[in-house]
Amino acid sequence: MEHRFETSGHLNWVRSVVFHPGGRFIISASDDKSIRVWDLSKKGEEVRKLEAAHDLFVSSIDVANNLPMLCSGGVEKIVKVWEMK
């Protein structure tokens, strides 16, 4: 079964996209300095946004499989760990 959705929200290039381990959410990171969470059960509706997650471009993200944690890396050579609630 194929599911497709297109969404807009980021204002610049999307650098990284990951699935949440539960499969309900997609998390994306962009050159617009934001990290956004999209709910697949709501046809890709944006449900959370970290507007200025890094001072410069957010270049990578990853989600822990067994912890409610998100890790992001930025062009400014900083790694941040976020608690997902």
N, C-alpha and C. Protein backbone atom coordinates (compact mmCIF):
# COMPACT_ATOMS: atom_id res chain seq x y z
N MET A 1 0.84 -1.16 0.00
CA MET A 1 0.00 0.00 0.00
C MET A 1 0.89 1.24 0.00
N GLU A 2 0.61 2.14 -0.85
CA GLU A 2 1.40 3.36 -0.96
C GLU A 2 0.65 4.52 -0.33
N HIS A 3 1.36 5.25 0.51
CA HIS A 3 0.80 6.46 1.11
C HIS A 3 1.66 7.63 0.64
N ARG A 4 1.03 8.66 0.17
CA ARG A 4 1.75 9.84 -0.29
C ARG A 4 1.16 11.07 0.35
N PHE A 5 2.03 11.99 0.67
CA PHE A 5 1.57 13.31 1.06
C PHE A 5 2.66 14.30 0.71
N GLU A 6 2.22 15.45 0.35
CA GLU A 6 3.15 16.55 0.13
C GLU A 6 2.77 17.63 1.12
N THR A 7 3.75 18.24 1.67
CA THR A 7 3.49 19.27 2.65
C THR A 7 4.48 20.42 2.46
N SER A 8 4.11 21.55 2.89
CA SER A 8 5.04 22.68 2.86
C SER A 8 5.14 23.23 4.27
N GLY A 9 6.19 23.86 4.55
CA GLY A 9 6.40 24.41 5.88
C GLY A 9 7.80 24.96 6.02
N HIS A 10 8.79 24.18 5.60
CA HIS A 10 10.16 24.67 5.65
C HIS A 10 10.35 25.79 4.63
N LEU A 11 11.18 26.73 4.99
CA LEU A 11 11.43 27.88 4.12
C LEU A 11 12.72 27.77 3.33
N ASN A 12 13.41 26.64 3.49
CA ASN A 12 14.68 26.43 2.79
C ASN A 12 14.86 24.92 2.60
N TRP A 13 15.99 24.50 2.10
CA TRP A 13 16.26 23.09 1.81
C TRP A 13 16.03 22.21 3.03
N VAL A 14 15.46 21.05 2.80
CA VAL A 14 15.33 20.03 3.84
C VAL A 14 16.58 19.16 3.77
N ARG A 15 17.31 19.07 4.88
CA ARG A 15 18.60 18.36 4.91
C ARG A 15 18.50 16.94 5.44
N SER A 16 17.50 16.68 6.29
CA SER A 16 17.40 15.36 6.92
C SER A 16 15.95 15.06 7.24
N VAL A 17 15.57 13.79 7.06
CA VAL A 17 14.22 13.33 7.39
C VAL A 17 14.35 11.96 8.05
N VAL A 18 13.64 11.76 9.16
CA VAL A 18 13.64 10.45 9.84
C VAL A 18 12.21 10.10 10.24
N PHE A 19 11.96 8.80 10.32
CA PHE A 19 10.71 8.31 10.86
C PHE A 19 10.85 8.14 12.37
N HIS A 20 9.84 8.54 13.10
CA HIS A 20 9.78 8.23 14.53
C HIS A 20 9.63 6.72 14.66
N PRO A 21 10.25 6.09 15.67
CA PRO A 21 10.19 4.63 15.79
C PRO A 21 8.77 4.06 15.83
N GLY A 22 7.81 4.81 16.33
CA GLY A 22 6.43 4.34 16.38
C GLY A 22 5.75 4.33 15.02
N GLY A 23 6.34 5.01 14.04
CA GLY A 23 5.81 5.02 12.68
C GLY A 23 4.73 6.05 12.41
N ARG A 24 4.29 6.79 13.40
CA ARG A 24 3.22 7.76 13.19
C ARG A 24 3.73 9.11 12.70
N PHE A 25 4.97 9.45 13.03
CA PHE A 25 5.50 10.78 12.75
C PHE A 25 6.72 10.73 11.83
N ILE A 26 6.89 11.80 11.07
CA ILE A 26 8.12 12.06 10.33
C ILE A 26 8.69 13.35 10.91
N ILE A 27 10.00 13.37 11.09
CA ILE A 27 10.68 14.55 11.63
C ILE A 27 11.67 15.04 10.58
N SER A 28 11.67 16.34 10.33
CA SER A 28 12.54 16.90 9.29
C SER A 28 13.35 18.07 9.83
N ALA A 29 14.52 18.26 9.21
CA ALA A 29 15.42 19.35 9.59
C ALA A 29 15.79 20.12 8.33
N SER A 30 15.99 21.42 8.49
CA SER A 30 16.15 22.27 7.31
C SER A 30 17.19 23.36 7.49
N ASP A 31 17.58 23.92 6.35
CA ASP A 31 18.45 25.09 6.33
C ASP A 31 17.76 26.33 6.88
N ASP A 32 16.44 26.27 7.11
CA ASP A 32 15.75 27.41 7.72
C ASP A 32 15.90 27.42 9.25
N LYS A 33 16.78 26.55 9.77
CA LYS A 33 17.13 26.44 11.19
C LYS A 33 16.08 25.72 12.02
N SER A 34 15.06 25.17 11.38
CA SER A 34 13.97 24.56 12.13
C SER A 34 13.98 23.03 12.05
N ILE A 35 13.34 22.43 13.04
CA ILE A 35 13.02 21.01 13.05
C ILE A 35 11.51 20.93 13.16
N ARG A 36 10.89 20.11 12.30
CA ARG A 36 9.43 20.02 12.28
C ARG A 36 8.98 18.58 12.38
N VAL A 37 7.83 18.40 13.01
CA VAL A 37 7.25 17.07 13.18
C VAL A 37 5.94 17.03 12.42
N TRP A 38 5.78 15.99 11.59
CA TRP A 38 4.61 15.81 10.73
C TRP A 38 3.88 14.54 11.16
N ASP A 39 2.58 14.62 11.31
CA ASP A 39 1.77 13.49 11.78
C ASP A 39 1.17 12.77 10.57
N LEU A 40 1.61 11.55 10.33
CA LEU A 40 1.13 10.79 9.18
C LEU A 40 -0.33 10.39 9.33
N SER A 41 -0.81 10.25 10.57
CA SER A 41 -2.21 9.88 10.77
C SER A 41 -3.15 11.05 10.45
N LYS A 42 -2.58 12.24 10.31
CA LYS A 42 -3.36 13.44 9.96
C LYS A 42 -2.94 13.94 8.58
N LYS A 43 -2.61 13.01 7.69
CA LYS A 43 -2.23 13.31 6.30
C LYS A 43 -1.05 14.27 6.22
N GLY A 44 -0.09 14.11 7.13
CA GLY A 44 1.13 14.91 7.08
C GLY A 44 1.02 16.29 7.68
N GLU A 45 0.04 16.51 8.52
CA GLU A 45 -0.12 17.82 9.16
C GLU A 45 1.06 18.11 10.09
N GLU A 46 1.55 19.34 10.04
CA GLU A 46 2.63 19.74 10.95
C GLU A 46 2.05 19.88 12.35
N VAL A 47 2.64 19.17 13.31
CA VAL A 47 2.11 19.19 14.67
C VAL A 47 3.08 19.80 15.69
N ARG A 48 4.32 19.99 15.31
CA ARG A 48 5.28 20.59 16.22
C ARG A 48 6.39 21.24 15.40
N LYS A 49 6.92 22.36 15.93
CA LYS A 49 8.00 23.05 15.22
C LYS A 49 8.96 23.66 16.24
N LEU A 50 10.24 23.38 16.05
CA LEU A 50 11.29 24.08 16.79
C LEU A 50 11.85 25.11 15.83
N GLU A 51 11.42 26.34 15.98
CA GLU A 51 11.71 27.41 15.02
C GLU A 51 13.19 27.70 14.84
N ALA A 52 13.91 27.89 15.92
CA ALA A 52 15.34 28.21 15.85
C ALA A 52 16.10 27.14 16.61
N ALA A 53 16.05 25.93 16.11
CA ALA A 53 16.69 24.79 16.77
C ALA A 53 18.20 24.97 16.86
N HIS A 54 18.79 25.59 15.85
CA HIS A 54 20.23 25.88 15.81
C HIS A 54 20.42 27.31 15.32
N ASP A 55 21.59 27.87 15.59
CA ASP A 55 21.88 29.24 15.13
C ASP A 55 22.06 29.30 13.63
N LEU A 56 22.56 28.22 13.04
CA LEU A 56 22.75 28.14 11.60
C LEU A 56 21.94 26.94 11.09
N PHE A 57 22.23 26.48 9.89
CA PHE A 57 21.48 25.38 9.29
C PHE A 57 21.48 24.14 10.17
N VAL A 58 20.34 23.44 10.23
CA VAL A 58 20.27 22.13 10.87
C VAL A 58 20.58 21.11 9.79
N SER A 59 21.66 20.38 9.95
CA SER A 59 22.11 19.51 8.87
C SER A 59 21.75 18.04 9.06
N SER A 60 21.47 17.62 10.30
CA SER A 60 21.13 16.21 10.49
C SER A 60 20.29 16.02 11.76
N ILE A 61 19.49 14.95 11.75
CA ILE A 61 18.70 14.58 12.91
C ILE A 61 18.64 13.06 13.00
N ASP A 62 18.40 12.57 14.20
CA ASP A 62 18.16 11.14 14.39
C ASP A 62 17.34 10.98 15.66
N VAL A 63 16.61 9.87 15.73
CA VAL A 63 15.73 9.59 16.86
C VAL A 63 16.21 8.31 17.53
N ALA A 64 16.24 8.31 18.86
CA ALA A 64 16.60 7.10 19.61
C ALA A 64 15.46 6.10 19.52
N ASN A 65 15.79 4.84 19.32
CA ASN A 65 14.76 3.81 19.21
C ASN A 65 14.11 3.47 20.54
N ASN A 66 14.82 3.61 21.63
CA ASN A 66 14.30 3.17 22.92
C ASN A 66 14.17 4.28 23.95
N LEU A 67 14.41 5.51 23.56
CA LEU A 67 14.28 6.66 24.46
C LEU A 67 13.52 7.77 23.74
N PRO A 68 12.80 8.60 24.49
CA PRO A 68 12.10 9.72 23.84
C PRO A 68 13.05 10.89 23.58
N MET A 69 14.07 10.64 22.76
CA MET A 69 15.11 11.64 22.51
C MET A 69 15.34 11.84 21.02
N LEU A 70 15.60 13.08 20.65
CA LEU A 70 15.95 13.45 19.28
C LEU A 70 17.31 14.14 19.35
N CYS A 71 18.18 13.83 18.42
CA CYS A 71 19.50 14.43 18.36
C CYS A 71 19.59 15.22 17.05
N SER A 72 20.13 16.43 17.13
CA SER A 72 20.29 17.23 15.91
C SER A 72 21.70 17.78 15.83
N GLY A 73 22.18 17.93 14.61
CA GLY A 73 23.50 18.50 14.36
C GLY A 73 23.37 19.72 13.48
N GLY A 74 24.15 20.74 13.79
CA GLY A 74 24.09 21.97 13.03
C GLY A 74 25.40 22.32 12.38
N VAL A 75 25.34 23.23 11.43
CA VAL A 75 26.52 23.69 10.70
C VAL A 75 27.51 24.38 11.64
N GLU A 76 27.02 24.91 12.75
CA GLU A 76 27.90 25.59 13.70
C GLU A 76 28.71 24.61 14.55
N LYS A 77 28.67 23.31 14.17
CA LYS A 77 29.44 22.25 14.82
C LYS A 77 28.96 21.96 16.23
N ILE A 78 27.66 22.06 16.43
CA ILE A 78 27.06 21.78 17.73
C ILE A 78 26.03 20.65 17.56
N VAL A 79 26.05 19.73 18.51
CA VAL A 79 25.07 18.65 18.57
C VAL A 79 24.15 18.95 19.74
N LYS A 80 22.84 18.85 19.52
CA LYS A 80 21.87 19.08 20.58
C LYS A 80 21.03 17.83 20.76
N VAL A 81 20.63 17.59 22.00
CA VAL A 81 19.76 16.47 22.31
C VAL A 81 18.46 17.06 22.87
N TRP A 82 17.35 16.62 22.28
CA TRP A 82 16.02 17.14 22.63
C TRP A 82 15.18 16.03 23.24
N GLU A 83 14.46 16.36 24.29
CA GLU A 83 13.49 15.41 24.85
C GLU A 83 12.21 15.53 24.06
N MET A 84 11.67 14.40 23.60
CA MET A 84 10.42 14.42 22.84
C MET A 84 9.28 14.14 23.79
N LYS A 85 8.34 15.04 23.86
CA LYS A 85 7.17 14.89 24.74
C LYS A 85 5.92 14.76 23.90
